[in-house]
Amino acid sequence: MFIISVIVMFIISWDLTLVMVAPLPILVLLILPCGNKVRTISKERQDKISDANSWSEECFSNIRTLKSFGNEYYSHVI
């Protein structure tokens, strides 16, 4: 779609198309390092969220275990 659009723009006005397409390589070179940095930060954040999720799941699981051990005396008395 992009290639067809550029071809049609070249047919309509080749000099205006060159003005529009010329900054694209420079923009790509500027955007790629930013994208890599965002990807790295995103991966680190997902790892930290995963660690926090497993920690909280373990805590809630241990709460159930403690509650069952706490009620163990009452189950033997009855």
PDB file of N, CA and C in Angstrom:
ATOM      1  N   MET A   1       0.819  -1.184   0.000  1.00  0.00           N
ATOM      2  CA  MET A   1       0.000   0.000   0.000  1.00  0.00           C
ATOM      3  C   MET A   1       0.873   1.263   0.000  1.00  0.00           C
ATOM      4  N   PHE A   2       1.934   1.229   0.836  1.00  0.00           N
ATOM      5  CA  PHE A   2       2.836   2.379   0.893  1.00  0.00           C
ATOM      6  C   PHE A   2       3.528   2.590  -0.457  1.00  0.00           C
ATOM      7  N   ILE A   3       3.971   1.499  -1.061  1.00  0.00           N
ATOM      8  CA  ILE A   3       4.689   1.596  -2.341  1.00  0.00           C
ATOM      9  C   ILE A   3       3.764   2.129  -3.440  1.00  0.00           C
ATOM     10  N   ILE A   4       2.537   1.632  -3.458  1.00  0.00           N
ATOM     11  CA  ILE A   4       1.579   2.124  -4.449  1.00  0.00           C
ATOM     12  C   ILE A   4       1.302   3.608  -4.237  1.00  0.00           C
ATOM     13  N   SER A   5       1.164   4.016  -2.976  1.00  0.00           N
ATOM     14  CA  SER A   5       0.931   5.438  -2.680  1.00  0.00           C
ATOM     15  C   SER A   5       2.086   6.306  -3.155  1.00  0.00           C
ATOM     16  N   VAL A   6       3.310   5.852  -2.930  1.00  0.00           N
ATOM     17  CA  VAL A   6       4.481   6.620  -3.361  1.00  0.00           C
ATOM     18  C   VAL A   6       4.536   6.708  -4.884  1.00  0.00           C
ATOM     19  N   ILE A   7       4.204   5.618  -5.557  1.00  0.00           N
ATOM     20  CA  ILE A   7       4.196   5.637  -7.026  1.00  0.00           C
ATOM     21  C   ILE A   7       3.168   6.639  -7.547  1.00  0.00           C
ATOM     22  N   VAL A   8       1.982   6.617  -6.962  1.00  0.00           N
ATOM     23  CA  VAL A   8       0.945   7.567  -7.390  1.00  0.00           C
ATOM     24  C   VAL A   8       1.382   8.998  -7.096  1.00  0.00           C
ATOM     25  N   MET A   9       2.012   9.206  -5.950  1.00  0.00           N
ATOM     26  CA  MET A   9       2.480  10.561  -5.631  1.00  0.00           C
ATOM     27  C   MET A   9       3.582  10.999  -6.602  1.00  0.00           C
ATOM     28  N   PHE A  10       4.455  10.070  -6.997  1.00  0.00           N
ATOM     29  CA  PHE A  10       5.476  10.406  -7.994  1.00  0.00           C
ATOM     30  C   PHE A  10       4.833  10.816  -9.317  1.00  0.00           C
ATOM     31  N   ILE A  11       3.778  10.126  -9.692  1.00  0.00           N
ATOM     32  CA  ILE A  11       3.089  10.470 -10.931  1.00  0.00           C
ATOM     33  C   ILE A  11       2.456  11.856 -10.835  1.00  0.00           C
ATOM     34  N   ILE A  12       1.879  12.157  -9.682  1.00  0.00           N
ATOM     35  CA  ILE A  12       1.208  13.450  -9.518  1.00  0.00           C
ATOM     36  C   ILE A  12       2.223  14.590  -9.409  1.00  0.00           C
ATOM     37  N   SER A  13       3.201  14.441  -8.475  1.00  0.00           N
ATOM     38  CA  SER A  13       4.189  15.499  -8.274  1.00  0.00           C
ATOM     39  C   SER A  13       5.476  14.873  -7.734  1.00  0.00           C
ATOM     40  N   TRP A  14       6.462  14.680  -8.608  1.00  0.00           N
ATOM     41  CA  TRP A  14       7.674  13.983  -8.195  1.00  0.00           C
ATOM     42  C   TRP A  14       8.532  14.811  -7.248  1.00  0.00           C
ATOM     43  N   ASP A  15       8.571  16.132  -7.415  1.00  0.00           N
ATOM     44  CA  ASP A  15       9.423  16.950  -6.539  1.00  0.00           C
ATOM     45  C   ASP A  15       8.849  17.033  -5.122  1.00  0.00           C
ATOM     46  N   LEU A  16       7.534  17.138  -5.000  1.00  0.00           N
ATOM     47  CA  LEU A  16       6.907  17.155  -3.677  1.00  0.00           C
ATOM     48  C   LEU A  16       7.048  15.793  -2.985  1.00  0.00           C
ATOM     49  N   THR A  17       6.991  14.728  -3.770  1.00  0.00           N
ATOM     50  CA  THR A  17       7.176  13.386  -3.218  1.00  0.00           C
ATOM     51  C   THR A  17       8.591  13.207  -2.682  1.00  0.00           C
ATOM     52  N   LEU A  18       9.590  13.708  -3.387  1.00  0.00           N
ATOM     53  CA  LEU A  18      10.973  13.620  -2.902  1.00  0.00           C
ATOM     54  C   LEU A  18      11.158  14.398  -1.608  1.00  0.00           C
ATOM     55  N   VAL A  19      10.507  15.539  -1.512  1.00  0.00           N
ATOM     56  CA  VAL A  19      10.597  16.337  -0.275  1.00  0.00           C
ATOM     57  C   VAL A  19       9.968  15.569   0.888  1.00  0.00           C
ATOM     58  N   MET A  20       8.888  14.859   0.610  1.00  0.00           N
ATOM     59  CA  MET A  20       8.210  14.123   1.665  1.00  0.00           C
ATOM     60  C   MET A  20       8.952  12.836   2.051  1.00  0.00           C
ATOM     61  N   VAL A  21       9.537  12.137   1.094  1.00  0.00           N
ATOM     62  CA  VAL A  21      10.167  10.839   1.344  1.00  0.00           C
ATOM     63  C   VAL A  21      11.619  10.988   1.833  1.00  0.00           C
ATOM     64  N   ALA A  22      12.258  12.077   1.558  1.00  0.00           N
ATOM     65  CA  ALA A  22      13.672  12.257   1.913  1.00  0.00           C
ATOM     66  C   ALA A  22      13.951  12.130   3.413  1.00  0.00           C
ATOM     67  N   PRO A  23      13.131  12.675   4.311  1.00  0.00           N
ATOM     68  CA  PRO A  23      13.448  12.551   5.747  1.00  0.00           C
ATOM     69  C   PRO A  23      13.169  11.170   6.346  1.00  0.00           C
ATOM     70  N   LEU A  24      12.539  10.270   5.621  1.00  0.00           N
ATOM     71  CA  LEU A  24      12.197   8.961   6.178  1.00  0.00           C
ATOM     72  C   LEU A  24      13.400   8.156   6.666  1.00  0.00           C
ATOM     73  N   PRO A  25      14.499   8.054   5.921  1.00  0.00           N
ATOM     74  CA  PRO A  25      15.646   7.285   6.451  1.00  0.00           C
ATOM     75  C   PRO A  25      16.214   7.891   7.743  1.00  0.00           C
ATOM     76  N   ILE A  26      16.243   9.208   7.818  1.00  0.00           N
ATOM     77  CA  ILE A  26      16.747   9.863   9.029  1.00  0.00           C
ATOM     78  C   ILE A  26      15.829   9.566  10.207  1.00  0.00           C
ATOM     79  N   LEU A  27      14.512   9.629   9.982  1.00  0.00           N
ATOM     80  CA  LEU A  27      13.554   9.332  11.048  1.00  0.00           C
ATOM     81  C   LEU A  27      13.659   7.882  11.508  1.00  0.00           C
ATOM     82  N   VAL A  28      13.851   6.981  10.568  1.00  0.00           N
ATOM     83  CA  VAL A  28      13.996   5.562  10.933  1.00  0.00           C
ATOM     84  C   VAL A  28      15.247   5.365  11.786  1.00  0.00           C
ATOM     85  N   LEU A  29      16.340   6.009  11.420  1.00  0.00           N
ATOM     86  CA  LEU A  29      17.576   5.877  12.205  1.00  0.00           C
ATOM     87  C   LEU A  29      17.427   6.470  13.604  1.00  0.00           C
ATOM     88  N   LEU A  30      16.589   7.486  13.752  1.00  0.00           N
ATOM     89  CA  LEU A  30      16.363   8.065  15.069  1.00  0.00           C
ATOM     90  C   LEU A  30      15.384   7.236  15.901  1.00  0.00           C
ATOM     91  N   ILE A  31      14.419   6.617  15.265  1.00  0.00           N
ATOM     92  CA  ILE A  31      13.375   5.899  15.988  1.00  0.00           C
ATOM     93  C   ILE A  31      13.822   4.502  16.421  1.00  0.00           C
ATOM     94  N   LEU A  32      14.657   3.822  15.661  1.00  0.00           N
ATOM     95  CA  LEU A  32      15.064   2.452  15.998  1.00  0.00           C
ATOM     96  C   LEU A  32      15.716   2.324  17.373  1.00  0.00           C
ATOM     97  N   PRO A  33      16.674   3.184  17.746  1.00  0.00           N
ATOM     98  CA  PRO A  33      17.243   3.047  19.092  1.00  0.00           C
ATOM     99  C   PRO A  33      16.207   3.280  20.194  1.00  0.00           C
ATOM    100  N   CYS A  34      15.284   4.201  19.953  1.00  0.00           N
ATOM    101  CA  CYS A  34      14.225   4.449  20.950  1.00  0.00           C
ATOM    102  C   CYS A  34      13.339   3.213  21.097  1.00  0.00           C
ATOM    103  N   GLY A  35      13.003   2.567  19.990  1.00  0.00           N
ATOM    104  CA  GLY A  35      12.186   1.358  20.045  1.00  0.00           C
ATOM    105  C   GLY A  35      12.884   0.236  20.789  1.00  0.00           C
ATOM    106  N   ASN A  36      14.187   0.097  20.571  1.00  0.00           N
ATOM    107  CA  ASN A  36      14.943  -0.937  21.287  1.00  0.00           C
ATOM    108  C   ASN A  36      14.974  -0.652  22.787  1.00  0.00           C
ATOM    109  N   LYS A  37      15.122   0.605  23.160  1.00  0.00           N
ATOM    110  CA  LYS A  37      15.151   0.980  24.577  1.00  0.00           C
ATOM    111  C   LYS A  37      13.795   0.710  25.233  1.00  0.00           C
ATOM    112  N   VAL A  38      12.715   1.069  24.532  1.00  0.00           N
ATOM    113  CA  VAL A  38      11.369   0.826  25.066  1.00  0.00           C
ATOM    114  C   VAL A  38      11.120  -0.668  25.216  1.00  0.00           C
ATOM    115  N   ARG A  39      11.577  -1.463  24.255  1.00  0.00           N
ATOM    116  CA  ARG A  39      11.413  -2.918  24.326  1.00  0.00           C
ATOM    117  C   ARG A  39      12.154  -3.482  25.538  1.00  0.00           C
ATOM    118  N   THR A  40      13.368  -2.990  25.797  1.00  0.00           N
ATOM    119  CA  THR A  40      14.149  -3.455  26.941  1.00  0.00           C
ATOM    120  C   THR A  40      13.462  -3.092  28.253  1.00  0.00           C
ATOM    121  N   ILE A  41      13.003  -1.854  28.359  1.00  0.00           N
ATOM    122  CA  ILE A  41      12.317  -1.412  29.576  1.00  0.00           C
ATOM    123  C   ILE A  41      11.038  -2.211  29.788  1.00  0.00           C
ATOM    124  N   SER A  42      10.309  -2.470  28.720  1.00  0.00           N
ATOM    125  CA  SER A  42       9.062  -3.230  28.810  1.00  0.00           C
ATOM    126  C   SER A  42       9.319  -4.644  29.302  1.00  0.00           C
ATOM    127  N   LYS A  43      10.373  -5.277  28.794  1.00  0.00           N
ATOM    128  CA  LYS A  43      10.695  -6.636  29.226  1.00  0.00           C
ATOM    129  C   LYS A  43      11.077  -6.663  30.703  1.00  0.00           C
ATOM    130  N   GLU A  44      11.878  -5.694  31.148  1.00  0.00           N
ATOM    131  CA  GLU A  44      12.255  -5.626  32.561  1.00  0.00           C
ATOM    132  C   GLU A  44      11.027  -5.427  33.439  1.00  0.00           C
ATOM    133  N   ARG A  45      10.120  -4.572  33.002  1.00  0.00           N
ATOM    134  CA  ARG A  45       8.909  -4.306  33.778  1.00  0.00           C
ATOM    135  C   ARG A  45       8.039  -5.558  33.865  1.00  0.00           C
ATOM    136  N   GLN A  46       7.897  -6.286  32.766  1.00  0.00           N
ATOM    137  CA  GLN A  46       7.110  -7.510  32.787  1.00  0.00           C
ATOM    138  C   GLN A  46       7.732  -8.561  33.710  1.00  0.00           C
ATOM    139  N   ASP A  47       9.057  -8.630  33.733  1.00  0.00           N
ATOM    140  CA  ASP A  47       9.730  -9.567  34.642  1.00  0.00           C
ATOM    141  C   ASP A  47       9.463  -9.199  36.093  1.00  0.00           C
ATOM    142  N   LYS A  48       9.511  -7.910  36.416  1.00  0.00           N
ATOM    143  CA  LYS A  48       9.251  -7.472  37.797  1.00  0.00           C
ATOM    144  C   LYS A  48       7.798  -7.728  38.191  1.00  0.00           C
ATOM    145  N   ILE A  49       6.877  -7.498  37.276  1.00  0.00           N
ATOM    146  CA  ILE A  49       5.465  -7.766  37.567  1.00  0.00           C
ATOM    147  C   ILE A  49       5.251  -9.260  37.780  1.00  0.00           C
ATOM    148  N   SER A  50       5.924 -10.082  37.000  1.00  0.00           N
ATOM    149  CA  SER A  50       5.821 -11.530  37.160  1.00  0.00           C
ATOM    150  C   SER A  50       6.342 -11.966  38.525  1.00  0.00           C
ATOM    151  N   ASP A  51       7.473 -11.396  38.942  1.00  0.00           N
ATOM    152  CA  ASP A  51       8.015 -11.724  40.265  1.00  0.00           C
ATOM    153  C   ASP A  51       7.052 -11.310  41.375  1.00  0.00           C
ATOM    154  N   ALA A  52       6.478 -10.117  41.263  1.00  0.00           N
ATOM    155  CA  ALA A  52       5.535  -9.635  42.274  1.00  0.00           C
ATOM    156  C   ALA A  52       4.284 -10.505  42.299  1.00  0.00           C
ATOM    157  N   ASN A  53       3.828 -10.947  41.151  1.00  0.00           N
ATOM    158  CA  ASN A  53       2.643 -11.794  41.073  1.00  0.00           C
ATOM    159  C   ASN A  53       2.899 -13.142  41.738  1.00  0.00           C
ATOM    160  N   SER A  54       4.046 -13.746  41.472  1.00  0.00           N
ATOM    161  CA  SER A  54       4.347 -15.042  42.093  1.00  0.00           C
ATOM    162  C   SER A  54       4.525 -14.896  43.599  1.00  0.00           C
ATOM    163  N   TRP A  55       5.115 -13.790  44.031  1.00  0.00           N
ATOM    164  CA  TRP A  55       5.279 -13.548  45.464  1.00  0.00           C
ATOM    165  C   TRP A  55       3.924 -13.404  46.146  1.00  0.00           C
ATOM    166  N   SER A  56       3.022 -12.617  45.553  1.00  0.00           N
ATOM    167  CA  SER A  56       1.712 -12.418  46.170  1.00  0.00           C
ATOM    168  C   SER A  56       0.903 -13.718  46.155  1.00  0.00           C
ATOM    169  N   GLU A  57       1.016 -14.513  45.099  1.00  0.00           N
ATOM    170  CA  GLU A  57       0.315 -15.792  45.050  1.00  0.00           C
ATOM    171  C   GLU A  57       0.815 -16.716  46.155  1.00  0.00           C
ATOM    172  N   GLU A  58       2.118 -16.706  46.385  1.00  0.00           N
ATOM    173  CA  GLU A  58       2.680 -17.529  47.451  1.00  0.00           C
ATOM    174  C   GLU A  58       2.186 -17.057  48.816  1.00  0.00           C
ATOM    175  N   CYS A  59       2.089 -15.745  49.006  1.00  0.00           N
ATOM    176  CA  CYS A  59       1.598 -15.214  50.285  1.00  0.00           C
ATOM    177  C   CYS A  59       0.154 -15.637  50.539  1.00  0.00           C
ATOM    178  N   PHE A  60      -0.707 -15.505  49.533  1.00  0.00           N
ATOM    179  CA  PHE A  60      -2.107 -15.891  49.712  1.00  0.00           C
ATOM    180  C   PHE A  60      -2.241 -17.389  49.944  1.00  0.00           C
ATOM    181  N   SER A  61      -1.400 -18.175  49.296  1.00  0.00           N
ATOM    182  CA  SER A  61      -1.421 -19.613  49.516  1.00  0.00           C
ATOM    183  C   SER A  61      -1.010 -19.941  50.945  1.00  0.00           C
ATOM    184  N   ASN A  62      -0.004 -19.234  51.448  1.00  0.00           N
ATOM    185  CA  ASN A  62       0.448 -19.466  52.826  1.00  0.00           C
ATOM    186  C   ASN A  62      -0.591 -19.022  53.834  1.00  0.00           C
ATOM    187  N   ILE A  63      -1.390 -18.008  53.514  1.00  0.00           N
ATOM    188  CA  ILE A  63      -2.449 -17.572  54.430  1.00  0.00           C
ATOM    189  C   ILE A  63      -3.463 -18.700  54.607  1.00  0.00           C
ATOM    190  N   ARG A  64      -3.829 -19.366  53.517  1.00  0.00           N
ATOM    191  CA  ARG A  64      -4.761 -20.494  53.608  1.00  0.00           C
ATOM    192  C   ARG A  64      -4.172 -21.616  54.458  1.00  0.00           C
ATOM    193  N   THR A  65      -2.885 -21.874  54.298  1.00  0.00           N
ATOM    194  CA  THR A  65      -2.230 -22.926  55.082  1.00  0.00           C
ATOM    195  C   THR A  65      -2.224 -22.565  56.565  1.00  0.00           C
ATOM    196  N   LEU A  66      -1.904 -21.316  56.883  1.00  0.00           N
ATOM    197  CA  LEU A  66      -1.899 -20.878  58.281  1.00  0.00           C
ATOM    198  C   LEU A  66      -3.289 -20.951  58.898  1.00  0.00           C
ATOM    199  N   LYS A  67      -4.306 -20.598  58.133  1.00  0.00           N
ATOM    200  CA  LYS A  67      -5.669 -20.668  58.647  1.00  0.00           C
ATOM    201  C   LYS A  67      -6.051 -22.119  58.942  1.00  0.00           C
ATOM    202  N   SER A  68      -5.657 -23.036  58.102  1.00  0.00           N
ATOM    203  CA  SER A  68      -6.003 -24.440  58.343  1.00  0.00           C
ATOM    204  C   SER A  68      -5.244 -24.982  59.557  1.00  0.00           C
ATOM    205  N   PHE A  69      -3.969 -24.602  59.735  1.00  0.00           N
ATOM    206  CA  PHE A  69      -3.231 -25.029  60.922  1.00  0.00           C
ATOM    207  C   PHE A  69      -3.789 -24.368  62.174  1.00  0.00           C
ATOM    208  N   GLY A  70      -4.247 -23.146  62.066  1.00  0.00           N
ATOM    209  CA  GLY A  70      -4.825 -22.452  63.224  1.00  0.00           C
ATOM    210  C   GLY A  70      -6.122 -23.085  63.676  1.00  0.00           C
ATOM    211  N   ASN A  71      -6.901 -23.642  62.766  1.00  0.00           N
ATOM    212  CA  ASN A  71      -8.176 -24.270  63.114  1.00  0.00           C
ATOM    213  C   ASN A  71      -8.026 -25.754  63.420  1.00  0.00           C
ATOM    214  N   GLU A  72      -6.809 -26.267  63.382  1.00  0.00           N
ATOM    215  CA  GLU A  72      -6.584 -27.679  63.627  1.00  0.00           C
ATOM    216  C   GLU A  72      -6.978 -28.068  65.053  1.00  0.00           C
ATOM    217  N   TYR A  73      -6.707 -27.223  66.029  1.00  0.00           N
ATOM    218  CA  TYR A  73      -7.050 -27.511  67.427  1.00  0.00           C
ATOM    219  C   TYR A  73      -8.563 -27.643  67.580  1.00  0.00           C
ATOM    220  N   TYR A  74      -9.299 -26.742  66.926  1.00  0.00           N
ATOM    221  CA  TYR A  74     -10.756 -26.768  67.069  1.00  0.00           C
ATOM    222  C   TYR A  74     -11.374 -28.004  66.409  1.00  0.00           C
ATOM    223  N   SER A  75     -10.766 -28.508  65.370  1.00  0.00           N
ATOM    224  CA  SER A  75     -11.316 -29.689  64.708  1.00  0.00           C
ATOM    225  C   SER A  75     -11.110 -30.955  65.552  1.00  0.00           C
ATOM    226  N   HIS A  76     -10.032 -31.004  66.378  1.00  0.00           N
ATOM    227  CA  HIS A  76      -9.799 -32.166  67.241  1.00  0.00           C
ATOM    228  C   HIS A  76     -10.681 -32.122  68.488  1.00  0.00           C
ATOM    229  N   VAL A  77     -11.022 -30.943  68.955  1.00  0.00           N
ATOM    230  CA  VAL A  77     -11.817 -30.797  70.160  1.00  0.00           C
ATOM    231  C   VAL A  77     -13.247 -31.223  69.884  1.00  0.00           C
ATOM    232  N   ILE A  78     -13.762 -30.905  68.729  1.00  0.00           N
ATOM    233  CA  ILE A  78     -15.170 -31.219  68.405  1.00  0.00           C
ATOM    234  C   ILE A  78     -15.264 -32.647  68.072  1.00  0.00           C
TER     235      ILE A  78
END
